[in-house]
Amino acid sequence: MISYQLSAGVLETLLPRPFVRTAEWCCANILMPSDSKVRGNFRLDLFPHARGIMDALDDPTIEVVTVQTAAQVGKTTIAQAFLAKMAATNPHPMAWA
C-alpha cells in the first residue's frame, strides 16, 4: 500500500480534507493588496459579484469558469484568493503540480 511508503506529512497533504467554502474562507483569511483602494480583509459586501464566481469555483460539477467584467473589480484578487484557499485547505489537487 502506498501509505506505508509516504511520510505522515506527505500522506496528510494527499488525503481528502473537509470542504471549506471559498467565499467564507477568503473573508476570514485574505488581506487586500497594499495597492488596493480597499483596506483590510476581502469583503463580499463590496464585491457581491465575487460570491457567484467563488461558488462556481467550489462546485465540482463545473469544469470551466469564465469571468468577464469591467476593469478593477477584483478579478486578479479573486483568482489569487481561490488558489490560496486551495493551498491552505485542500492542497491535494495541486500537490503534484
PDB file of N, CA and C in Angstrom:
ATOM      1  N   MET A   1       0.839  -1.180   0.000  1.00  0.00           N
ATOM      2  CA  MET A   1       0.000   0.000   0.000  1.00  0.00           C
ATOM      3  C   MET A   1       0.887   1.248   0.000  1.00  0.00           C
ATOM      4  N   ILE A   2       0.523   2.235  -0.774  1.00  0.00           N
ATOM      5  CA  ILE A   2       1.344   3.435  -0.923  1.00  0.00           C
ATOM      6  C   ILE A   2       1.497   4.205   0.390  1.00  0.00           C
ATOM      7  N   SER A   3       0.507   4.155   1.293  1.00  0.00           N
ATOM      8  CA  SER A   3       0.593   4.918   2.536  1.00  0.00           C
ATOM      9  C   SER A   3       1.762   4.475   3.403  1.00  0.00           C
ATOM     10  N   TYR A   4       2.233   3.250   3.237  1.00  0.00           N
ATOM     11  CA  TYR A   4       3.388   2.787   4.003  1.00  0.00           C
ATOM     12  C   TYR A   4       4.693   3.371   3.476  1.00  0.00           C
ATOM     13  N   GLN A   5       4.679   3.874   2.269  1.00  0.00           N
ATOM     14  CA  GLN A   5       5.882   4.400   1.652  1.00  0.00           C
ATOM     15  C   GLN A   5       6.016   5.912   1.789  1.00  0.00           C
ATOM     16  N   LEU A   6       4.967   6.595   2.204  1.00  0.00           N
ATOM     17  CA  LEU A   6       4.979   8.047   2.302  1.00  0.00           C
ATOM     18  C   LEU A   6       5.104   8.487   3.755  1.00  0.00           C
ATOM     19  N   SER A   7       5.790   9.588   3.979  1.00  0.00           N
ATOM     20  CA  SER A   7       5.872  10.123   5.338  1.00  0.00           C
ATOM     21  C   SER A   7       4.497  10.631   5.762  1.00  0.00           C
ATOM     22  N   ALA A   8       4.290  10.771   7.051  1.00  0.00           N
ATOM     23  CA  ALA A   8       2.999  11.221   7.579  1.00  0.00           C
ATOM     24  C   ALA A   8       2.622  12.592   7.025  1.00  0.00           C
ATOM     25  N   GLY A   9       3.585  13.502   6.910  1.00  0.00           N
ATOM     26  CA  GLY A   9       3.298  14.841   6.393  1.00  0.00           C
ATOM     27  C   GLY A   9       2.852  14.830   4.943  1.00  0.00           C
ATOM     28  N   VAL A  10       3.501  14.020   4.119  1.00  0.00           N
ATOM     29  CA  VAL A  10       3.123  13.910   2.711  1.00  0.00           C
ATOM     30  C   VAL A  10       1.755  13.253   2.596  1.00  0.00           C
ATOM     31  N   LEU A  11       1.541  12.190   3.355  1.00  0.00           N
ATOM     32  CA  LEU A  11       0.256  11.496   3.299  1.00  0.00           C
ATOM     33  C   LEU A  11      -0.877  12.416   3.727  1.00  0.00           C
ATOM     34  N   GLU A  12      -0.661  13.209   4.772  1.00  0.00           N
ATOM     35  CA  GLU A  12      -1.687  14.155   5.225  1.00  0.00           C
ATOM     36  C   GLU A  12      -2.038  15.157   4.127  1.00  0.00           C
ATOM     37  N   THR A  13      -1.049  15.583   3.359  1.00  0.00           N
ATOM     38  CA  THR A  13      -1.284  16.523   2.270  1.00  0.00           C
ATOM     39  C   THR A  13      -2.129  15.894   1.168  1.00  0.00           C
ATOM     40  N   LEU A  14      -1.950  14.621   0.934  1.00  0.00           N
ATOM     41  CA  LEU A  14      -2.643  13.951  -0.158  1.00  0.00           C
ATOM     42  C   LEU A  14      -4.049  13.475   0.198  1.00  0.00           C
ATOM     43  N   LEU A  15      -4.330  13.268   1.472  1.00  0.00           N
ATOM     44  CA  LEU A  15      -5.650  12.781   1.879  1.00  0.00           C
ATOM     45  C   LEU A  15      -6.701  13.874   1.749  1.00  0.00           C
ATOM     46  N   PRO A  16      -7.930  13.501   1.419  1.00  0.00           N
ATOM     47  CA  PRO A  16      -9.015  14.491   1.317  1.00  0.00           C
ATOM     48  C   PRO A  16      -9.235  15.207   2.650  1.00  0.00           C
ATOM     49  N   ARG A  17      -9.631  16.450   2.566  1.00  0.00           N
ATOM     50  CA  ARG A  17      -9.910  17.266   3.747  1.00  0.00           C
ATOM     51  C   ARG A  17     -11.354  17.732   3.703  1.00  0.00           C
ATOM     52  N   PRO A  18     -11.879  18.203   4.845  1.00  0.00           N
ATOM     53  CA  PRO A  18     -13.253  18.715   4.857  1.00  0.00           C
ATOM     54  C   PRO A  18     -13.404  19.901   3.898  1.00  0.00           C
ATOM     55  N   PHE A  19     -14.588  19.995   3.287  1.00  0.00           N
ATOM     56  CA  PHE A  19     -14.871  21.079   2.353  1.00  0.00           C
ATOM     57  C   PHE A  19     -14.968  22.417   3.090  1.00  0.00           C
ATOM     58  N   VAL A  20     -14.367  23.444   2.522  1.00  0.00           N
ATOM     59  CA  VAL A  20     -14.428  24.805   3.057  1.00  0.00           C
ATOM     60  C   VAL A  20     -14.898  25.715   1.927  1.00  0.00           C
ATOM     61  N   ARG A  21     -15.936  26.500   2.169  1.00  0.00           N
ATOM     62  CA  ARG A  21     -16.449  27.427   1.144  1.00  0.00           C
ATOM     63  C   ARG A  21     -15.427  28.540   0.908  1.00  0.00           C
ATOM     64  N   THR A  22     -15.138  28.794  -0.350  1.00  0.00           N
ATOM     65  CA  THR A  22     -14.144  29.801  -0.717  1.00  0.00           C
ATOM     66  C   THR A  22     -14.540  31.192  -0.237  1.00  0.00           C
ATOM     67  N   ALA A  23     -15.797  31.577  -0.417  1.00  0.00           N
ATOM     68  CA  ALA A  23     -16.222  32.932  -0.054  1.00  0.00           C
ATOM     69  C   ALA A  23     -15.978  33.204   1.427  1.00  0.00           C
ATOM     70  N   GLU A  24     -16.363  32.281   2.289  1.00  0.00           N
ATOM     71  CA  GLU A  24     -16.190  32.486   3.721  1.00  0.00           C
ATOM     72  C   GLU A  24     -14.712  32.457   4.110  1.00  0.00           C
ATOM     73  N   TRP A  25     -13.946  31.548   3.515  1.00  0.00           N
ATOM     74  CA  TRP A  25     -12.527  31.458   3.830  1.00  0.00           C
ATOM     75  C   TRP A  25     -11.808  32.748   3.425  1.00  0.00           C
ATOM     76  N   CYS A  26     -12.138  33.268   2.257  1.00  0.00           N
ATOM     77  CA  CYS A  26     -11.476  34.486   1.780  1.00  0.00           C
ATOM     78  C   CYS A  26     -11.768  35.676   2.689  1.00  0.00           C
ATOM     79  N   CYS A  27     -13.008  35.805   3.124  1.00  0.00           N
ATOM     80  CA  CYS A  27     -13.349  36.927   4.014  1.00  0.00           C
ATOM     81  C   CYS A  27     -12.586  36.846   5.327  1.00  0.00           C
ATOM     82  N   ALA A  28     -12.307  35.648   5.785  1.00  0.00           N
ATOM     83  CA  ALA A  28     -11.615  35.472   7.056  1.00  0.00           C
ATOM     84  C   ALA A  28     -10.095  35.513   6.930  1.00  0.00           C
ATOM     85  N   ASN A  29      -9.558  35.207   5.744  1.00  0.00           N
ATOM     86  CA  ASN A  29      -8.114  34.988   5.634  1.00  0.00           C
ATOM     87  C   ASN A  29      -7.368  35.839   4.613  1.00  0.00           C
ATOM     88  N   ILE A  30      -8.063  36.476   3.703  1.00  0.00           N
ATOM     89  CA  ILE A  30      -7.378  37.224   2.645  1.00  0.00           C
ATOM     90  C   ILE A  30      -7.353  38.713   2.969  1.00  0.00           C
ATOM     91  N   LEU A  31      -6.149  39.270   3.010  1.00  0.00           N
ATOM     92  CA  LEU A  31      -5.986  40.715   3.135  1.00  0.00           C
ATOM     93  C   LEU A  31      -5.856  41.307   1.745  1.00  0.00           C
ATOM     94  N   MET A  32      -6.493  42.418   1.525  1.00  0.00           N
ATOM     95  CA  MET A  32      -6.415  43.064   0.219  1.00  0.00           C
ATOM     96  C   MET A  32      -4.990  43.543  -0.038  1.00  0.00           C
ATOM     97  N   PRO A  33      -4.567  43.576  -1.300  1.00  0.00           N
ATOM     98  CA  PRO A  33      -3.211  44.012  -1.629  1.00  0.00           C
ATOM     99  C   PRO A  33      -2.944  45.445  -1.157  1.00  0.00           C
ATOM    100  N   SER A  34      -1.702  45.749  -0.899  1.00  0.00           N
ATOM    101  CA  SER A  34      -1.348  47.073  -0.372  1.00  0.00           C
ATOM    102  C   SER A  34      -1.685  48.198  -1.347  1.00  0.00           C
ATOM    103  N   ASP A  35      -1.717  47.915  -2.649  1.00  0.00           N
ATOM    104  CA  ASP A  35      -2.041  48.957  -3.626  1.00  0.00           C
ATOM    105  C   ASP A  35      -3.544  49.036  -3.913  1.00  0.00           C
ATOM    106  N   SER A  36      -4.352  48.272  -3.174  1.00  0.00           N
ATOM    107  CA  SER A  36      -5.798  48.277  -3.370  1.00  0.00           C
ATOM    108  C   SER A  36      -6.428  49.512  -2.734  1.00  0.00           C
ATOM    109  N   LYS A  37      -7.530  49.955  -3.325  1.00  0.00           N
ATOM    110  CA  LYS A  37      -8.276  51.067  -2.742  1.00  0.00           C
ATOM    111  C   LYS A  37      -9.054  50.618  -1.511  1.00  0.00           C
ATOM    112  N   VAL A  38      -9.231  49.304  -1.373  1.00  0.00           N
ATOM    113  CA  VAL A  38      -9.925  48.716  -0.224  1.00  0.00           C
ATOM    114  C   VAL A  38      -8.874  48.229   0.761  1.00  0.00           C
ATOM    115  N   ARG A  39      -9.013  48.582   2.014  1.00  0.00           N
ATOM    116  CA  ARG A  39      -8.060  48.170   3.048  1.00  0.00           C
ATOM    117  C   ARG A  39      -8.655  47.042   3.887  1.00  0.00           C
ATOM    118  N   GLY A  40      -7.797  46.233   4.444  1.00  0.00           N
ATOM    119  CA  GLY A  40      -8.237  45.173   5.338  1.00  0.00           C
ATOM    120  C   GLY A  40      -8.557  43.886   4.598  1.00  0.00           C
ATOM    121  N   ASN A  41      -9.435  43.104   5.207  1.00  0.00           N
ATOM    122  CA  ASN A  41      -9.794  41.800   4.639  1.00  0.00           C
ATOM    123  C   ASN A  41     -10.669  41.945   3.398  1.00  0.00           C
ATOM    124  N   PHE A  42     -10.645  40.881   2.599  1.00  0.00           N
ATOM    125  CA  PHE A  42     -11.539  40.772   1.452  1.00  0.00           C
ATOM    126  C   PHE A  42     -12.967  40.857   1.972  1.00  0.00           C
ATOM    127  N   ARG A  43     -13.805  41.637   1.299  1.00  0.00           N
ATOM    128  CA  ARG A  43     -15.177  41.858   1.768  1.00  0.00           C
ATOM    129  C   ARG A  43     -16.174  41.613   0.647  1.00  0.00           C
ATOM    130  N   LEU A  44     -17.077  40.673   0.872  1.00  0.00           N
ATOM    131  CA  LEU A  44     -18.095  40.375  -0.135  1.00  0.00           C
ATOM    132  C   LEU A  44     -19.161  41.453  -0.221  1.00  0.00           C
ATOM    133  N   ASP A  45     -19.312  42.269   0.818  1.00  0.00           N
ATOM    134  CA  ASP A  45     -20.298  43.347   0.710  1.00  0.00           C
ATOM    135  C   ASP A  45     -19.840  44.399  -0.299  1.00  0.00           C
ATOM    136  N   LEU A  46     -18.533  44.517  -0.519  1.00  0.00           N
ATOM    137  CA  LEU A  46     -18.012  45.448  -1.521  1.00  0.00           C
ATOM    138  C   LEU A  46     -17.889  44.794  -2.897  1.00  0.00           C
ATOM    139  N   PHE A  47     -17.817  43.464  -2.931  1.00  0.00           N
ATOM    140  CA  PHE A  47     -17.661  42.718  -4.178  1.00  0.00           C
ATOM    141  C   PHE A  47     -18.714  41.610  -4.243  1.00  0.00           C
ATOM    142  N   PRO A  48     -20.003  41.958  -4.285  1.00  0.00           N
ATOM    143  CA  PRO A  48     -21.042  40.917  -4.247  1.00  0.00           C
ATOM    144  C   PRO A  48     -20.974  39.958  -5.437  1.00  0.00           C
ATOM    145  N   HIS A  49     -20.452  40.420  -6.564  1.00  0.00           N
ATOM    146  CA  HIS A  49     -20.328  39.555  -7.739  1.00  0.00           C
ATOM    147  C   HIS A  49     -19.335  38.412  -7.495  1.00  0.00           C
ATOM    148  N   ALA A  50     -18.443  38.587  -6.549  1.00  0.00           N
ATOM    149  CA  ALA A  50     -17.418  37.576  -6.289  1.00  0.00           C
ATOM    150  C   ALA A  50     -18.013  36.303  -5.704  1.00  0.00           C
ATOM    151  N   ARG A  51     -19.113  36.406  -4.971  1.00  0.00           N
ATOM    152  CA  ARG A  51     -19.711  35.211  -4.366  1.00  0.00           C
ATOM    153  C   ARG A  51     -20.117  34.202  -5.444  1.00  0.00           C
ATOM    154  N   GLY A  52     -20.737  34.656  -6.510  1.00  0.00           N
ATOM    155  CA  GLY A  52     -21.140  33.743  -7.580  1.00  0.00           C
ATOM    156  C   GLY A  52     -19.945  33.081  -8.244  1.00  0.00           C
ATOM    157  N   ILE A  53     -18.882  33.839  -8.451  1.00  0.00           N
ATOM    158  CA  ILE A  53     -17.664  33.286  -9.044  1.00  0.00           C
ATOM    159  C   ILE A  53     -17.075  32.233  -8.110  1.00  0.00           C
ATOM    160  N   MET A  54     -16.980  32.576  -6.832  1.00  0.00           N
ATOM    161  CA  MET A  54     -16.400  31.641  -5.865  1.00  0.00           C
ATOM    162  C   MET A  54     -17.266  30.403  -5.682  1.00  0.00           C
ATOM    163  N   ASP A  55     -18.582  30.574  -5.697  1.00  0.00           N
ATOM    164  CA  ASP A  55     -19.473  29.408  -5.604  1.00  0.00           C
ATOM    165  C   ASP A  55     -19.288  28.497  -6.811  1.00  0.00           C
ATOM    166  N   ALA A  56     -19.100  29.080  -7.985  1.00  0.00           N
ATOM    167  CA  ALA A  56     -18.855  28.274  -9.182  1.00  0.00           C
ATOM    168  C   ALA A  56     -17.525  27.536  -9.079  1.00  0.00           C
ATOM    169  N   LEU A  57     -16.499  28.196  -8.545  1.00  0.00           N
ATOM    170  CA  LEU A  57     -15.203  27.544  -8.371  1.00  0.00           C
ATOM    171  C   LEU A  57     -15.282  26.399  -7.364  1.00  0.00           C
ATOM    172  N   ASP A  58     -16.184  26.506  -6.389  1.00  0.00           N
ATOM    173  CA  ASP A  58     -16.368  25.454  -5.385  1.00  0.00           C
ATOM    174  C   ASP A  58     -17.156  24.258  -5.911  1.00  0.00           C
ATOM    175  N   ASP A  59     -17.899  24.432  -6.969  1.00  0.00           N
ATOM    176  CA  ASP A  59     -18.805  23.393  -7.472  1.00  0.00           C
ATOM    177  C   ASP A  59     -18.026  22.358  -8.288  1.00  0.00           C
ATOM    178  N   PRO A  60     -17.944  21.121  -7.816  1.00  0.00           N
ATOM    179  CA  PRO A  60     -17.157  20.113  -8.535  1.00  0.00           C
ATOM    180  C   PRO A  60     -17.755  19.701  -9.880  1.00  0.00           C
ATOM    181  N   THR A  61     -19.009  20.065 -10.136  1.00  0.00           N
ATOM    182  CA  THR A  61     -19.617  19.717 -11.426  1.00  0.00           C
ATOM    183  C   THR A  61     -19.293  20.740 -12.508  1.00  0.00           C
ATOM    184  N   ILE A  62     -18.750  21.883 -12.131  1.00  0.00           N
ATOM    185  CA  ILE A  62     -18.385  22.927 -13.097  1.00  0.00           C
ATOM    186  C   ILE A  62     -16.911  22.774 -13.441  1.00  0.00           C
ATOM    187  N   GLU A  63     -16.623  22.640 -14.724  1.00  0.00           N
ATOM    188  CA  GLU A  63     -15.251  22.421 -15.171  1.00  0.00           C
ATOM    189  C   GLU A  63     -14.566  23.691 -15.658  1.00  0.00           C
ATOM    190  N   VAL A  64     -15.331  24.656 -16.156  1.00  0.00           N
ATOM    191  CA  VAL A  64     -14.751  25.892 -16.684  1.00  0.00           C
ATOM    192  C   VAL A  64     -15.533  27.069 -16.119  1.00  0.00           C
ATOM    193  N   VAL A  65     -14.806  28.044 -15.611  1.00  0.00           N
ATOM    194  CA  VAL A  65     -15.424  29.286 -15.137  1.00  0.00           C
ATOM    195  C   VAL A  65     -14.831  30.419 -15.966  1.00  0.00           C
ATOM    196  N   THR A  66     -15.683  31.122 -16.678  1.00  0.00           N
ATOM    197  CA  THR A  66     -15.261  32.255 -17.490  1.00  0.00           C
ATOM    198  C   THR A  66     -15.764  33.526 -16.829  1.00  0.00           C
ATOM    199  N   VAL A  67     -14.858  34.473 -16.604  1.00  0.00           N
ATOM    200  CA  VAL A  67     -15.229  35.717 -15.932  1.00  0.00           C
ATOM    201  C   VAL A  67     -14.977  36.873 -16.888  1.00  0.00           C
ATOM    202  N   GLN A  68     -16.023  37.640 -17.157  1.00  0.00           N
ATOM    203  CA  GLN A  68     -15.893  38.828 -17.989  1.00  0.00           C
ATOM    204  C   GLN A  68     -16.532  39.976 -17.219  1.00  0.00           C
ATOM    205  N   THR A  69     -15.719  40.933 -16.816  1.00  0.00           N
ATOM    206  CA  THR A  69     -16.215  42.068 -16.030  1.00  0.00           C
ATOM    207  C   THR A  69     -15.486  43.331 -16.448  1.00  0.00           C
ATOM    208  N   ALA A  70     -15.864  44.406 -15.816  1.00  0.00           N
ATOM    209  CA  ALA A  70     -15.173  45.673 -16.026  1.00  0.00           C
ATOM    210  C   ALA A  70     -13.788  45.604 -15.383  1.00  0.00           C
ATOM    211  N   ALA A  71     -12.991  46.619 -15.631  1.00  0.00           N
ATOM    212  CA  ALA A  71     -11.648  46.696 -15.047  1.00  0.00           C
ATOM    213  C   ALA A  71     -11.725  47.054 -13.571  1.00  0.00           C
ATOM    214  N   GLN A  72     -10.740  46.604 -12.834  1.00  0.00           N
ATOM    215  CA  GLN A  72     -10.544  46.946 -11.426  1.00  0.00           C
ATOM    216  C   GLN A  72     -11.731  46.588 -10.531  1.00  0.00           C
ATOM    217  N   VAL A  73     -12.245  45.370 -10.706  1.00  0.00           N
ATOM    218  CA  VAL A  73     -13.323  44.900  -9.833  1.00  0.00           C
ATOM    219  C   VAL A  73     -12.913  43.637  -9.064  1.00  0.00           C
ATOM    220  N   GLY A  74     -11.617  43.343  -9.037  1.00  0.00           N
ATOM    221  CA  GLY A  74     -11.121  42.265  -8.196  1.00  0.00           C
ATOM    222  C   GLY A  74     -10.905  40.925  -8.842  1.00  0.00           C
ATOM    223  N   LYS A  75     -10.865  40.847 -10.162  1.00  0.00           N
ATOM    224  CA  LYS A  75     -10.691  39.549 -10.831  1.00  0.00           C
ATOM    225  C   LYS A  75      -9.386  38.868 -10.420  1.00  0.00           C
ATOM    226  N   THR A  76      -8.293  39.592 -10.425  1.00  0.00           N
ATOM    227  CA  THR A  76      -6.999  39.014 -10.064  1.00  0.00           C
ATOM    228  C   THR A  76      -6.992  38.598  -8.607  1.00  0.00           C
ATOM    229  N   THR A  77      -7.537  39.438  -7.738  1.00  0.00           N
ATOM    230  CA  THR A  77      -7.593  39.109  -6.317  1.00  0.00           C
ATOM    231  C   THR A  77      -8.436  37.870  -6.080  1.00  0.00           C
ATOM    232  N   ILE A  78      -9.565  37.739  -6.772  1.00  0.00           N
ATOM    233  CA  ILE A  78     -10.421  36.561  -6.635  1.00  0.00           C
ATOM    234  C   ILE A  78      -9.657  35.301  -7.062  1.00  0.00           C
ATOM    235  N   ALA A  79      -8.971  35.357  -8.180  1.00  0.00           N
ATOM    236  CA  ALA A  79      -8.226  34.191  -8.665  1.00  0.00           C
ATOM    237  C   ALA A  79      -7.098  33.823  -7.704  1.00  0.00           C
ATOM    238  N   GLN A  80      -6.360  34.805  -7.234  1.00  0.00           N
ATOM    239  CA  GLN A  80      -5.273  34.539  -6.295  1.00  0.00           C
ATOM    240  C   GLN A  80      -5.815  34.019  -4.967  1.00  0.00           C
ATOM    241  N   ALA A  81      -6.928  34.574  -4.522  1.00  0.00           N
ATOM    242  CA  ALA A  81      -7.530  34.136  -3.259  1.00  0.00           C
ATOM    243  C   ALA A  81      -7.993  32.685  -3.362  1.00  0.00           C
ATOM    244  N   PHE A  82      -8.570  32.313  -4.506  1.00  0.00           N
ATOM    245  CA  PHE A  82      -9.009  30.932  -4.690  1.00  0.00           C
ATOM    246  C   PHE A  82      -7.827  29.974  -4.621  1.00  0.00           C
ATOM    247  N   LEU A  83      -6.734  30.314  -5.265  1.00  0.00           N
ATOM    248  CA  LEU A  83      -5.551  29.451  -5.218  1.00  0.00           C
ATOM    249  C   LEU A  83      -4.988  29.369  -3.803  1.00  0.00           C
ATOM    250  N   ALA A  84      -4.978  30.489  -3.078  1.00  0.00           N
ATOM    251  CA  ALA A  84      -4.501  30.486  -1.690  1.00  0.00           C
ATOM    252  C   ALA A  84      -5.398  29.615  -0.814  1.00  0.00           C
ATOM    253  N   LYS A  85      -6.706  29.699  -1.027  1.00  0.00           N
ATOM    254  CA  LYS A  85      -7.650  28.883  -0.266  1.00  0.00           C
ATOM    255  C   LYS A  85      -7.419  27.408  -0.540  1.00  0.00           C
ATOM    256  N   MET A  86      -7.227  27.042  -1.800  1.00  0.00           N
ATOM    257  CA  MET A  86      -6.969  25.643  -2.142  1.00  0.00           C
ATOM    258  C   MET A  86      -5.674  25.157  -1.490  1.00  0.00           C
ATOM    259  N   ALA A  87      -4.641  25.959  -1.556  1.00  0.00           N
ATOM    260  CA  ALA A  87      -3.357  25.565  -0.972  1.00  0.00           C
ATOM    261  C   ALA A  87      -3.465  25.397   0.544  1.00  0.00           C
ATOM    262  N   ALA A  88      -4.269  26.226   1.192  1.00  0.00           N
ATOM    263  CA  ALA A  88      -4.396  26.175   2.647  1.00  0.00           C
ATOM    264  C   ALA A  88      -5.352  25.090   3.125  1.00  0.00           C
ATOM    265  N   THR A  89      -6.423  24.828   2.363  1.00  0.00           N
ATOM    266  CA  THR A  89      -7.464  23.934   2.871  1.00  0.00           C
ATOM    267  C   THR A  89      -7.538  22.582   2.185  1.00  0.00           C
ATOM    268  N   ASN A  90      -7.032  22.472   0.966  1.00  0.00           N
ATOM    269  CA  ASN A  90      -7.113  21.218   0.232  1.00  0.00           C
ATOM    270  C   ASN A  90      -6.027  21.176  -0.839  1.00  0.00           C
ATOM    271  N   PRO A  91      -4.775  21.006  -0.426  1.00  0.00           N
ATOM    272  CA  PRO A  91      -3.689  21.058  -1.410  1.00  0.00           C
ATOM    273  C   PRO A  91      -3.590  19.828  -2.303  1.00  0.00           C
ATOM    274  N   HIS A  92      -4.397  18.819  -2.045  1.00  0.00           N
ATOM    275  CA  HIS A  92      -4.293  17.566  -2.814  1.00  0.00           C
ATOM    276  C   HIS A  92      -4.333  17.780  -4.329  1.00  0.00           C
ATOM    277  N   PRO A  93      -5.300  18.553  -4.880  1.00  0.00           N
ATOM    278  CA  PRO A  93      -5.331  18.684  -6.343  1.00  0.00           C
ATOM    279  C   PRO A  93      -4.085  19.343  -6.929  1.00  0.00           C
ATOM    280  N   MET A  94      -3.389  20.142  -6.142  1.00  0.00           N
ATOM    281  CA  MET A  94      -2.200  20.819  -6.682  1.00  0.00           C
ATOM    282  C   MET A  94      -0.899  20.237  -6.136  1.00  0.00           C
ATOM    283  N   ALA A  95      -0.982  19.184  -5.332  1.00  0.00           N
ATOM    284  CA  ALA A  95       0.200  18.643  -4.684  1.00  0.00           C
ATOM    285  C   ALA A  95       1.218  18.097  -5.680  1.00  0.00           C
ATOM    286  N   TRP A  96       0.774  17.645  -6.824  1.00  0.00           N
ATOM    287  CA  TRP A  96       1.683  17.055  -7.792  1.00  0.00           C
ATOM    288  C   TRP A  96       2.045  18.018  -8.923  1.00  0.00           C
ATOM    289  N   ALA A  97       1.581  19.249  -8.845  1.00  0.00           N
ATOM    290  CA  ALA A  97       1.833  20.220  -9.902  1.00  0.00           C
ATOM    291  C   ALA A  97       3.291  20.614  -9.949  1.00  0.00           C
TER     292      ALA A  97
END
